Amino acid sequence: MKTIIEPFRIKSVEPIFVTTPEERRTILEQAFYNPFLVNAEHVLIDLLTDSGTSAMSSHQWAGIMQGDESYAGSSSFFHFETVVNSITSMPFIIPTHQGRASEKILFSILGGKGKFFVSNTLFDTTRANIEFSGATGVDLLCEEGKHPAIPAPFKGNLDTVALEQFITEKGAENIPAVILTITNNSGAGSR
């Protein structure tokens, strides 16, 4: 059966402003083609972030109302910890509000001067957190990924030959992590 509507009701709506193609060209020119300089009010669909931009379900709203916000010993935390542990088998769970906050914690522990984090292509906030620690972010994107105008089946691979050479050159002990970014809008200017 084909449906003509989404199989849910939206609980919260917010009006959005739609710009014309001419207005978008002007906005981009005024922002020097840098999506970070475009005001959010001029963005209809934001592909720059994956930080949650859609309406919440009735279950999510109910969860907020029923959540235990105690500073310590919260039943909400213990429920969260149990679920995440059942999925990951990780013994220690540290909740953070966003991925960049998690990266700040991670790279402040693993990073530092003389350390290298290698990736297919680091996301900009990931690179910033790495460099803030004193470490260096290194992109070793496959050759196909370096040519945006040439079609290829998949352009997100890590150049494993370059990785092996880099490990030999810098020493495995100086590379705390190799990061493979699966869904990445770095450098795409996709906003």
N, C-alpha and C. Protein backbone atom coordinates (compact mmCIF):
# COMPACT_ATOMS: atom_id res chain seq x y z
N MET A 1 0.84 -1.18 0.00
CA MET A 1 0.00 0.00 0.00
C MET A 1 0.88 1.24 0.00
N LYS A 2 0.60 2.17 -0.87
CA LYS A 2 1.33 3.42 -0.94
C LYS A 2 0.63 4.48 -0.11
N THR A 3 1.39 5.17 0.76
CA THR A 3 0.78 6.24 1.55
C THR A 3 1.13 7.58 0.93
N ILE A 4 0.26 8.55 1.14
CA ILE A 4 0.53 9.89 0.62
C ILE A 4 0.93 10.86 1.72
N ILE A 5 0.91 10.38 2.98
CA ILE A 5 1.33 11.21 4.10
C ILE A 5 2.27 10.41 4.99
N GLU A 6 3.02 11.12 5.83
CA GLU A 6 3.89 10.43 6.78
C GLU A 6 3.04 9.71 7.82
N PRO A 7 3.52 8.55 8.31
CA PRO A 7 2.71 7.79 9.28
C PRO A 7 2.90 8.28 10.72
N PHE A 8 2.88 9.61 10.92
CA PHE A 8 2.99 10.17 12.27
C PHE A 8 2.40 11.58 12.27
N ARG A 9 2.14 12.09 13.49
CA ARG A 9 1.69 13.47 13.66
C ARG A 9 2.83 14.26 14.29
N ILE A 10 3.06 15.44 13.83
CA ILE A 10 4.11 16.27 14.39
C ILE A 10 3.51 17.07 15.55
N LYS A 11 4.21 17.06 16.69
CA LYS A 11 3.70 17.70 17.90
C LYS A 11 4.10 19.16 18.03
N SER A 12 5.08 19.59 17.27
CA SER A 12 5.54 20.97 17.37
C SER A 12 5.93 21.44 15.98
N VAL A 13 5.55 22.66 15.64
CA VAL A 13 5.89 23.20 14.33
C VAL A 13 6.54 24.56 14.50
N GLU A 14 7.34 24.93 13.54
CA GLU A 14 7.99 26.24 13.53
C GLU A 14 7.96 26.74 12.10
N PRO A 15 7.47 27.96 11.88
CA PRO A 15 7.44 28.48 10.51
C PRO A 15 8.84 28.72 9.99
N ILE A 16 9.04 28.49 8.70
CA ILE A 16 10.34 28.71 8.09
C ILE A 16 10.18 29.65 6.91
N PHE A 17 11.23 30.36 6.58
CA PHE A 17 11.23 31.34 5.51
C PHE A 17 11.92 30.72 4.30
N VAL A 18 11.29 30.77 3.15
CA VAL A 18 11.85 30.21 1.93
C VAL A 18 12.42 31.35 1.08
N THR A 19 13.70 31.23 0.73
CA THR A 19 14.33 32.24 -0.11
C THR A 19 14.24 31.85 -1.58
N THR A 20 14.36 32.83 -2.44
CA THR A 20 14.37 32.58 -3.88
C THR A 20 15.80 32.20 -4.30
N PRO A 21 15.97 31.61 -5.47
CA PRO A 21 17.34 31.31 -5.95
C PRO A 21 18.22 32.56 -6.00
N GLU A 22 17.65 33.68 -6.41
CA GLU A 22 18.42 34.93 -6.47
C GLU A 22 18.86 35.37 -5.08
N GLU A 23 17.93 35.27 -4.10
CA GLU A 23 18.27 35.64 -2.72
C GLU A 23 19.36 34.73 -2.17
N ARG A 24 19.28 33.44 -2.49
CA ARG A 24 20.30 32.50 -2.01
C ARG A 24 21.67 32.82 -2.58
N ARG A 25 21.72 33.19 -3.86
CA ARG A 25 23.00 33.58 -4.48
C ARG A 25 23.59 34.79 -3.75
N THR A 26 22.74 35.78 -3.49
CA THR A 26 23.20 36.99 -2.79
C THR A 26 23.69 36.66 -1.38
N ILE A 27 22.92 35.83 -0.68
CA ILE A 27 23.30 35.43 0.69
C ILE A 27 24.65 34.72 0.68
N LEU A 28 24.85 33.80 -0.26
CA LEU A 28 26.12 33.08 -0.35
C LEU A 28 27.28 34.02 -0.71
N GLU A 29 27.04 34.94 -1.62
CA GLU A 29 28.09 35.90 -1.98
C GLU A 29 28.48 36.74 -0.77
N GLN A 30 27.47 37.22 -0.03
CA GLN A 30 27.73 38.05 1.15
C GLN A 30 28.44 37.27 2.26
N ALA A 31 28.27 35.96 2.26
CA ALA A 31 28.94 35.10 3.25
C ALA A 31 30.27 34.58 2.72
N PHE A 32 30.71 35.11 1.56
CA PHE A 32 31.96 34.68 0.93
C PHE A 32 31.97 33.16 0.68
N TYR A 33 30.78 32.61 0.40
CA TYR A 33 30.58 31.18 0.11
C TYR A 33 30.99 30.28 1.28
N ASN A 34 30.97 30.83 2.48
CA ASN A 34 31.30 30.08 3.69
C ASN A 34 29.99 29.79 4.43
N PRO A 35 29.55 28.52 4.48
CA PRO A 35 28.25 28.22 5.11
C PRO A 35 28.18 28.60 6.58
N PHE A 36 29.34 28.71 7.25
CA PHE A 36 29.33 29.10 8.66
C PHE A 36 28.99 30.58 8.84
N LEU A 37 29.07 31.35 7.77
CA LEU A 37 28.76 32.78 7.84
C LEU A 37 27.34 33.10 7.37
N VAL A 38 26.57 32.06 7.02
CA VAL A 38 25.17 32.26 6.62
C VAL A 38 24.30 32.20 7.87
N ASN A 39 23.47 33.23 8.07
CA ASN A 39 22.57 33.24 9.22
C ASN A 39 21.56 32.11 9.11
N ALA A 40 21.29 31.46 10.21
CA ALA A 40 20.38 30.32 10.23
C ALA A 40 18.99 30.66 9.68
N GLU A 41 18.57 31.91 9.85
CA GLU A 41 17.24 32.30 9.36
C GLU A 41 17.14 32.22 7.84
N HIS A 42 18.27 32.16 7.14
CA HIS A 42 18.28 32.07 5.68
C HIS A 42 18.44 30.63 5.19
N VAL A 43 18.46 29.66 6.10
CA VAL A 43 18.71 28.27 5.73
C VAL A 43 17.42 27.48 5.84
N LEU A 44 16.96 26.92 4.72
CA LEU A 44 15.73 26.14 4.71
C LEU A 44 15.98 24.71 5.21
N ILE A 45 16.96 24.05 4.61
CA ILE A 45 17.34 22.69 5.03
C ILE A 45 18.81 22.72 5.40
N ASP A 46 19.11 22.44 6.65
CA ASP A 46 20.48 22.55 7.16
C ASP A 46 21.19 21.20 7.05
N LEU A 47 22.06 21.08 6.05
CA LEU A 47 22.84 19.85 5.88
C LEU A 47 24.22 19.99 6.51
N LEU A 48 24.45 21.10 7.20
CA LEU A 48 25.74 21.33 7.84
C LEU A 48 25.83 20.59 9.16
N THR A 49 24.70 20.28 9.78
CA THR A 49 24.72 19.65 11.09
C THR A 49 23.92 18.35 11.09
N ASP A 50 24.31 17.47 11.99
CA ASP A 50 23.54 16.26 12.23
C ASP A 50 23.10 16.24 13.69
N SER A 51 23.03 17.43 14.29
CA SER A 51 22.79 17.55 15.73
C SER A 51 21.31 17.57 16.10
N GLY A 52 20.46 17.10 15.27
CA GLY A 52 19.05 16.98 15.60
C GLY A 52 18.27 18.24 15.30
N THR A 53 17.56 18.26 14.19
CA THR A 53 16.84 19.47 13.80
C THR A 53 15.37 19.17 13.51
N SER A 54 14.90 17.99 13.82
CA SER A 54 13.52 17.66 13.48
C SER A 54 12.63 17.67 14.73
N ALA A 55 11.33 17.59 14.51
CA ALA A 55 10.38 17.58 15.62
C ALA A 55 10.52 16.29 16.43
N MET A 56 10.27 16.41 17.72
CA MET A 56 10.37 15.24 18.60
C MET A 56 9.04 14.49 18.62
N SER A 57 9.13 13.20 18.88
CA SER A 57 7.92 12.38 18.96
C SER A 57 7.23 12.61 20.31
N SER A 58 5.98 12.16 20.42
CA SER A 58 5.26 12.28 21.69
C SER A 58 5.97 11.49 22.78
N HIS A 59 6.61 10.38 22.44
CA HIS A 59 7.37 9.60 23.43
C HIS A 59 8.59 10.36 23.93
N GLN A 60 9.25 11.10 23.02
CA GLN A 60 10.41 11.89 23.43
C GLN A 60 9.98 13.03 24.36
N TRP A 61 8.88 13.72 24.02
CA TRP A 61 8.39 14.78 24.90
C TRP A 61 8.01 14.20 26.26
N ALA A 62 7.34 13.05 26.26
CA ALA A 62 6.95 12.42 27.53
C ALA A 62 8.18 12.03 28.34
N GLY A 63 9.22 11.56 27.64
CA GLY A 63 10.45 11.20 28.33
C GLY A 63 11.08 12.38 29.04
N ILE A 64 11.02 13.55 28.42
CA ILE A 64 11.55 14.76 29.06
C ILE A 64 10.76 15.07 30.33
N MET A 65 9.44 14.96 30.25
CA MET A 65 8.59 15.28 31.40
C MET A 65 8.77 14.26 32.54
N GLN A 66 9.07 13.01 32.19
CA GLN A 66 9.18 11.97 33.20
C GLN A 66 10.61 11.74 33.66
N GLY A 67 11.57 12.41 33.04
CA GLY A 67 12.97 12.19 33.36
C GLY A 67 13.34 12.61 34.76
N ASP A 68 14.23 11.87 35.36
CA ASP A 68 14.76 12.18 36.70
C ASP A 68 16.00 13.05 36.50
N GLU A 69 15.89 14.32 36.86
CA GLU A 69 16.99 15.25 36.64
C GLU A 69 17.84 15.47 37.89
N SER A 70 17.82 14.52 38.81
CA SER A 70 18.65 14.64 40.01
C SER A 70 20.11 14.79 39.62
N TYR A 71 20.84 15.55 40.40
CA TYR A 71 22.25 15.80 40.08
C TYR A 71 23.08 14.51 40.16
N ALA A 72 22.82 13.69 41.13
CA ALA A 72 23.55 12.42 41.27
C ALA A 72 22.55 11.31 41.59
N GLY A 73 22.86 10.11 41.15
CA GLY A 73 22.00 8.97 41.44
C GLY A 73 20.71 8.93 40.65
N SER A 74 20.66 9.61 39.53
CA SER A 74 19.45 9.73 38.73
C SER A 74 19.05 8.39 38.12
N SER A 75 17.76 8.05 38.25
CA SER A 75 17.27 6.81 37.64
C SER A 75 17.36 6.89 36.12
N SER A 76 17.23 8.11 35.56
CA SER A 76 17.36 8.28 34.11
C SER A 76 18.76 7.91 33.64
N PHE A 77 19.77 8.30 34.42
CA PHE A 77 21.15 7.94 34.05
C PHE A 77 21.34 6.43 34.11
N PHE A 78 20.85 5.79 35.17
CA PHE A 78 21.05 4.35 35.29
C PHE A 78 20.35 3.59 34.15
N HIS A 79 19.18 4.07 33.73
CA HIS A 79 18.49 3.46 32.59
C HIS A 79 19.33 3.64 31.32
N PHE A 80 19.80 4.87 31.09
CA PHE A 80 20.65 5.18 29.94
C PHE A 80 21.90 4.30 29.96
N GLU A 81 22.56 4.22 31.10
CA GLU A 81 23.79 3.43 31.24
C GLU A 81 23.54 1.95 30.92
N THR A 82 22.45 1.41 31.41
CA THR A 82 22.12 0.00 31.17
C THR A 82 21.90 -0.27 29.68
N VAL A 83 21.16 0.61 29.02
CA VAL A 83 20.87 0.42 27.59
C VAL A 83 22.16 0.54 26.77
N VAL A 84 22.95 1.59 27.00
CA VAL A 84 24.18 1.78 26.24
C VAL A 84 25.15 0.62 26.50
N ASN A 85 25.25 0.18 27.74
CA ASN A 85 26.12 -0.96 28.06
C ASN A 85 25.66 -2.23 27.37
N SER A 86 24.33 -2.43 27.27
CA SER A 86 23.82 -3.64 26.60
C SER A 86 24.13 -3.63 25.11
N ILE A 87 24.25 -2.42 24.53
CA ILE A 87 24.55 -2.30 23.10
C ILE A 87 26.05 -2.38 22.84
N THR A 88 26.85 -1.70 23.67
CA THR A 88 28.28 -1.56 23.40
C THR A 88 29.18 -2.47 24.22
N SER A 89 28.67 -2.98 25.35
CA SER A 89 29.46 -3.76 26.31
C SER A 89 30.59 -2.94 26.94
N MET A 90 30.52 -1.63 26.81
CA MET A 90 31.53 -0.76 27.41
C MET A 90 31.23 -0.60 28.90
N PRO A 91 32.23 -0.75 29.77
CA PRO A 91 31.97 -0.69 31.21
C PRO A 91 31.74 0.72 31.75
N PHE A 92 32.26 1.74 31.08
CA PHE A 92 32.11 3.11 31.56
C PHE A 92 31.37 3.95 30.52
N ILE A 93 30.32 4.60 30.95
CA ILE A 93 29.49 5.41 30.06
C ILE A 93 29.52 6.84 30.58
N ILE A 94 29.95 7.77 29.72
CA ILE A 94 29.97 9.19 30.08
C ILE A 94 29.06 9.92 29.10
N PRO A 95 27.86 10.31 29.53
CA PRO A 95 26.96 11.01 28.61
C PRO A 95 27.45 12.44 28.34
N THR A 96 27.33 12.86 27.11
CA THR A 96 27.62 14.25 26.75
C THR A 96 26.47 14.75 25.89
N HIS A 97 26.34 16.06 25.80
CA HIS A 97 25.22 16.66 25.08
C HIS A 97 25.39 16.64 23.57
N GLN A 98 26.63 16.53 23.08
CA GLN A 98 26.88 16.52 21.64
C GLN A 98 28.19 15.80 21.36
N GLY A 99 28.35 15.38 20.10
CA GLY A 99 29.58 14.71 19.70
C GLY A 99 30.82 15.55 19.93
N ARG A 100 30.72 16.87 19.68
CA ARG A 100 31.92 17.70 19.85
C ARG A 100 32.35 17.77 21.30
N ALA A 101 31.40 17.67 22.23
CA ALA A 101 31.77 17.63 23.66
C ALA A 101 32.48 16.32 23.97
N SER A 102 32.01 15.23 23.38
CA SER A 102 32.67 13.93 23.55
C SER A 102 34.08 13.98 22.99
N GLU A 103 34.22 14.59 21.81
CA GLU A 103 35.55 14.72 21.19
C GLU A 103 36.49 15.52 22.07
N LYS A 104 36.00 16.57 22.68
CA LYS A 104 36.83 17.41 23.55
C LYS A 104 37.41 16.57 24.69
N ILE A 105 36.56 15.74 25.29
CA ILE A 105 37.01 14.86 26.37
C ILE A 105 38.02 13.85 25.83
N LEU A 106 37.65 13.17 24.73
CA LEU A 106 38.49 12.11 24.17
C LEU A 106 39.87 12.62 23.77
N PHE A 107 39.92 13.72 23.02
CA PHE A 107 41.20 14.20 22.51
C PHE A 107 42.04 14.88 23.58
N SER A 108 41.40 15.39 24.64
CA SER A 108 42.19 15.94 25.74
C SER A 108 42.90 14.82 26.50
N ILE A 109 42.36 13.61 26.44
CA ILE A 109 42.99 12.45 27.09
C ILE A 109 44.01 11.79 26.17
N LEU A 110 43.62 11.55 24.91
CA LEU A 110 44.49 10.82 23.98
C LEU A 110 45.48 11.71 23.22
N GLY A 111 45.16 12.98 23.08
CA GLY A 111 45.95 13.87 22.23
C GLY A 111 47.17 14.43 22.93
N GLY A 112 47.68 15.51 22.36
CA GLY A 112 48.85 16.18 22.90
C GLY A 112 49.92 16.33 21.84
N LYS A 113 50.89 17.16 22.14
CA LYS A 113 51.99 17.44 21.21
C LYS A 113 52.68 16.15 20.79
N GLY A 114 52.95 16.03 19.49
CA GLY A 114 53.63 14.86 18.96
C GLY A 114 52.72 13.69 18.62
N LYS A 115 51.41 13.84 18.85
CA LYS A 115 50.44 12.80 18.53
C LYS A 115 49.75 13.13 17.21
N PHE A 116 49.32 12.08 16.51
CA PHE A 116 48.67 12.23 15.21
C PHE A 116 47.38 11.41 15.19
N PHE A 117 46.31 12.03 14.70
CA PHE A 117 45.05 11.33 14.49
C PHE A 117 44.81 11.29 12.99
N VAL A 118 44.73 10.09 12.45
CA VAL A 118 44.63 9.89 11.00
C VAL A 118 43.19 9.55 10.64
N SER A 119 42.72 10.10 9.51
CA SER A 119 41.34 9.89 9.08
C SER A 119 41.24 9.89 7.57
N ASN A 120 40.09 9.42 7.06
CA ASN A 120 39.80 9.60 5.64
C ASN A 120 39.59 11.09 5.38
N THR A 121 38.78 11.75 6.17
CA THR A 121 38.62 13.21 6.16
C THR A 121 38.02 13.60 7.51
N LEU A 122 38.76 14.37 8.28
CA LEU A 122 38.27 14.81 9.59
C LEU A 122 37.19 15.88 9.43
N PHE A 123 36.14 15.77 10.22
CA PHE A 123 35.14 16.83 10.27
C PHE A 123 35.78 18.04 10.95
N ASP A 124 35.32 19.24 10.61
CA ASP A 124 36.00 20.46 11.07
C ASP A 124 36.05 20.59 12.59
N THR A 125 34.98 20.27 13.31
CA THR A 125 35.04 20.38 14.77
C THR A 125 35.90 19.28 15.37
N THR A 126 35.96 18.12 14.72
CA THR A 126 36.85 17.06 15.17
C THR A 126 38.29 17.52 15.05
N ARG A 127 38.64 18.09 13.91
CA ARG A 127 40.00 18.62 13.70
C ARG A 127 40.32 19.70 14.73
N ALA A 128 39.36 20.58 14.99
CA ALA A 128 39.58 21.66 15.96
C ALA A 128 39.88 21.10 17.35
N ASN A 129 39.13 20.08 17.77
CA ASN A 129 39.38 19.47 19.08
C ASN A 129 40.73 18.75 19.13
N ILE A 130 41.11 18.11 18.03
CA ILE A 130 42.41 17.46 17.95
C ILE A 130 43.52 18.50 18.07
N GLU A 131 43.43 19.55 17.28
CA GLU A 131 44.48 20.57 17.27
C GLU A 131 44.53 21.35 18.57
N PHE A 132 43.38 21.54 19.24
CA PHE A 132 43.35 22.22 20.52
C PHE A 132 44.17 21.45 21.56
N SER A 133 44.21 20.12 21.42
CA SER A 133 44.98 19.29 22.36
C SER A 133 46.48 19.38 22.09
N GLY A 134 46.86 19.95 20.95
CA GLY A 134 48.27 20.02 20.57
C GLY A 134 48.65 18.96 19.56
N ALA A 135 47.73 18.03 19.29
CA ALA A 135 47.98 16.96 18.32
C ALA A 135 47.74 17.48 16.90
N THR A 136 48.03 16.62 15.93
CA THR A 136 47.86 16.96 14.52
C THR A 136 46.85 16.02 13.88
N GLY A 137 45.92 16.59 13.13
CA GLY A 137 44.97 15.79 12.36
C GLY A 137 45.49 15.60 10.95
N VAL A 138 45.42 14.37 10.46
CA VAL A 138 45.97 14.05 9.14
C VAL A 138 44.88 13.36 8.31
N ASP A 139 44.61 13.91 7.12
CA ASP A 139 43.64 13.31 6.20
C ASP A 139 44.37 12.46 5.18
N LEU A 140 44.00 11.20 5.10
CA LEU A 140 44.56 10.30 4.09
C LEU A 140 43.41 9.72 3.26
N LEU A 141 42.75 10.61 2.56
CA LEU A 141 41.62 10.23 1.73
C LEU A 141 42.10 9.46 0.50
N CYS A 142 41.32 8.50 0.05
CA CYS A 142 41.65 7.76 -1.16
C CYS A 142 41.73 8.70 -2.36
N GLU A 143 42.42 8.29 -3.41
CA GLU A 143 42.63 9.15 -4.58
C GLU A 143 41.31 9.60 -5.21
N GLU A 144 40.30 8.70 -5.28
CA GLU A 144 39.01 9.04 -5.90
C GLU A 144 38.33 10.21 -5.19
N GLY A 145 38.51 10.28 -3.88
CA GLY A 145 37.88 11.33 -3.10
C GLY A 145 38.47 12.71 -3.32
N LYS A 146 39.62 12.77 -3.93
CA LYS A 146 40.30 14.05 -4.17
C LYS A 146 39.86 14.73 -5.46
N HIS A 147 38.96 14.07 -6.20
CA HIS A 147 38.52 14.58 -7.50
C HIS A 147 37.00 14.67 -7.54
N PRO A 148 36.43 15.78 -7.02
CA PRO A 148 34.97 15.87 -6.91
C PRO A 148 34.22 15.83 -8.24
N ALA A 149 34.86 16.22 -9.33
CA ALA A 149 34.16 16.27 -10.62
C ALA A 149 34.13 14.92 -11.33
N ILE A 150 34.90 13.97 -10.85
CA ILE A 150 34.97 12.65 -11.50
C ILE A 150 34.12 11.65 -10.71
N PRO A 151 33.10 11.05 -11.33
CA PRO A 151 32.26 10.08 -10.62
C PRO A 151 33.05 8.83 -10.20
N ALA A 152 32.68 8.29 -9.05
CA ALA A 152 33.26 7.04 -8.54
C ALA A 152 32.23 6.40 -7.62
N PRO A 153 32.24 5.08 -7.48
CA PRO A 153 31.23 4.41 -6.66
C PRO A 153 31.25 4.85 -5.19
N PHE A 154 32.45 5.06 -4.62
CA PHE A 154 32.56 5.47 -3.22
C PHE A 154 33.85 6.25 -3.05
N LYS A 155 33.75 7.45 -2.52
CA LYS A 155 34.92 8.32 -2.42
C LYS A 155 35.39 8.51 -0.98
N GLY A 156 34.86 7.73 -0.05
CA GLY A 156 35.19 7.94 1.36
C GLY A 156 36.22 7.00 1.94
N ASN A 157 36.85 6.18 1.11
CA ASN A 157 37.83 5.23 1.65
C ASN A 157 39.07 5.92 2.18
N LEU A 158 39.70 5.28 3.14
CA LEU A 158 40.99 5.70 3.66
C LEU A 158 42.06 5.08 2.78
N ASP A 159 43.07 5.85 2.44
CA ASP A 159 44.19 5.35 1.64
C ASP A 159 45.06 4.49 2.55
N THR A 160 44.85 3.18 2.52
CA THR A 160 45.53 2.28 3.45
C THR A 160 47.03 2.16 3.17
N VAL A 161 47.44 2.34 1.91
CA VAL A 161 48.88 2.32 1.59
C VAL A 161 49.54 3.53 2.23
N ALA A 162 48.92 4.71 2.10
CA ALA A 162 49.45 5.93 2.73
C ALA A 162 49.43 5.80 4.26
N LEU A 163 48.39 5.14 4.80
CA LEU A 163 48.30 4.92 6.24
C LEU A 163 49.46 4.07 6.74
N GLU A 164 49.73 2.98 6.04
CA GLU A 164 50.84 2.10 6.44
C GLU A 164 52.18 2.86 6.42
N GLN A 165 52.36 3.65 5.38
CA GLN A 165 53.59 4.46 5.27
C GLN A 165 53.66 5.49 6.41
N PHE A 166 52.53 6.11 6.73
CA PHE A 166 52.50 7.12 7.79
C PHE A 166 52.81 6.48 9.14
N ILE A 167 52.28 5.29 9.40
CA ILE A 167 52.55 4.59 10.66
C ILE A 167 54.04 4.26 10.77
N THR A 168 54.62 3.79 9.67
CA THR A 168 56.05 3.48 9.65
C THR A 168 56.89 4.73 9.92
N GLU A 169 56.49 5.84 9.30
CA GLU A 169 57.23 7.10 9.42
C GLU A 169 57.11 7.72 10.81
N LYS A 170 55.89 7.75 11.39
CA LYS A 170 55.65 8.45 12.66
C LYS A 170 55.70 7.54 13.88
N GLY A 171 55.54 6.24 13.67
CA GLY A 171 55.52 5.30 14.79
C GLY A 171 54.12 5.10 15.32
N ALA A 172 53.70 3.85 15.45
CA ALA A 172 52.34 3.52 15.91
C ALA A 172 52.07 4.11 17.29
N GLU A 173 53.09 4.22 18.13
CA GLU A 173 52.90 4.76 19.48
C GLU A 173 52.50 6.24 19.48
N ASN A 174 52.72 6.92 18.36
CA ASN A 174 52.36 8.34 18.25
C ASN A 174 51.02 8.57 17.55
N ILE A 175 50.31 7.48 17.24
CA ILE A 175 49.01 7.56 16.58
C ILE A 175 47.98 6.89 17.49
N PRO A 176 47.35 7.68 18.39
CA PRO A 176 46.41 7.09 19.33
C PRO A 176 45.16 6.51 18.69
N ALA A 177 44.77 7.04 17.52
CA ALA A 177 43.54 6.55 16.89
C ALA A 177 43.55 6.85 15.40
N VAL A 178 42.94 5.92 14.66
CA VAL A 178 42.64 6.13 13.24
C VAL A 178 41.12 6.26 13.18
N ILE A 179 40.66 7.37 12.60
CA ILE A 179 39.24 7.70 12.60
C ILE A 179 38.69 7.56 11.19
N LEU A 180 37.70 6.71 11.04
CA LEU A 180 37.04 6.58 9.74
C LEU A 180 35.69 7.26 9.84
N THR A 181 35.55 8.40 9.19
CA THR A 181 34.31 9.16 9.21
C THR A 181 33.41 8.61 8.11
N ILE A 182 32.29 8.02 8.50
CA ILE A 182 31.42 7.35 7.54
C ILE A 182 30.51 8.34 6.82
N THR A 183 29.76 9.15 7.56
CA THR A 183 28.90 10.15 6.94
C THR A 183 29.53 11.52 7.21
N ASN A 184 30.14 12.08 6.22
CA ASN A 184 30.95 13.26 6.41
C ASN A 184 30.57 14.35 5.42
N ASN A 185 30.29 15.54 5.95
CA ASN A 185 30.03 16.68 5.08
C ASN A 185 31.16 17.69 5.17
N SER A 186 32.34 17.25 5.57
CA SER A 186 33.50 18.15 5.64
C SER A 186 33.87 18.66 4.28
N GLY A 187 34.13 19.94 4.23
CA GLY A 187 34.59 20.55 3.01
C GLY A 187 33.57 20.61 1.89
N ALA A 188 32.40 20.06 2.14
CA ALA A 188 31.41 20.01 1.07
C ALA A 188 30.66 21.31 0.91
N GLY A 189 30.69 22.14 1.97
CA GLY A 189 29.91 23.37 1.90
C GLY A 189 28.45 23.07 1.65
N SER A 190 27.95 22.03 2.32
CA SER A 190 26.64 21.49 1.96
C SER A 190 25.47 22.25 2.56
N ARG A 191 25.74 23.26 3.34
CA ARG A 191 24.63 24.00 3.95
C ARG A 191 23.99 24.79 2.92
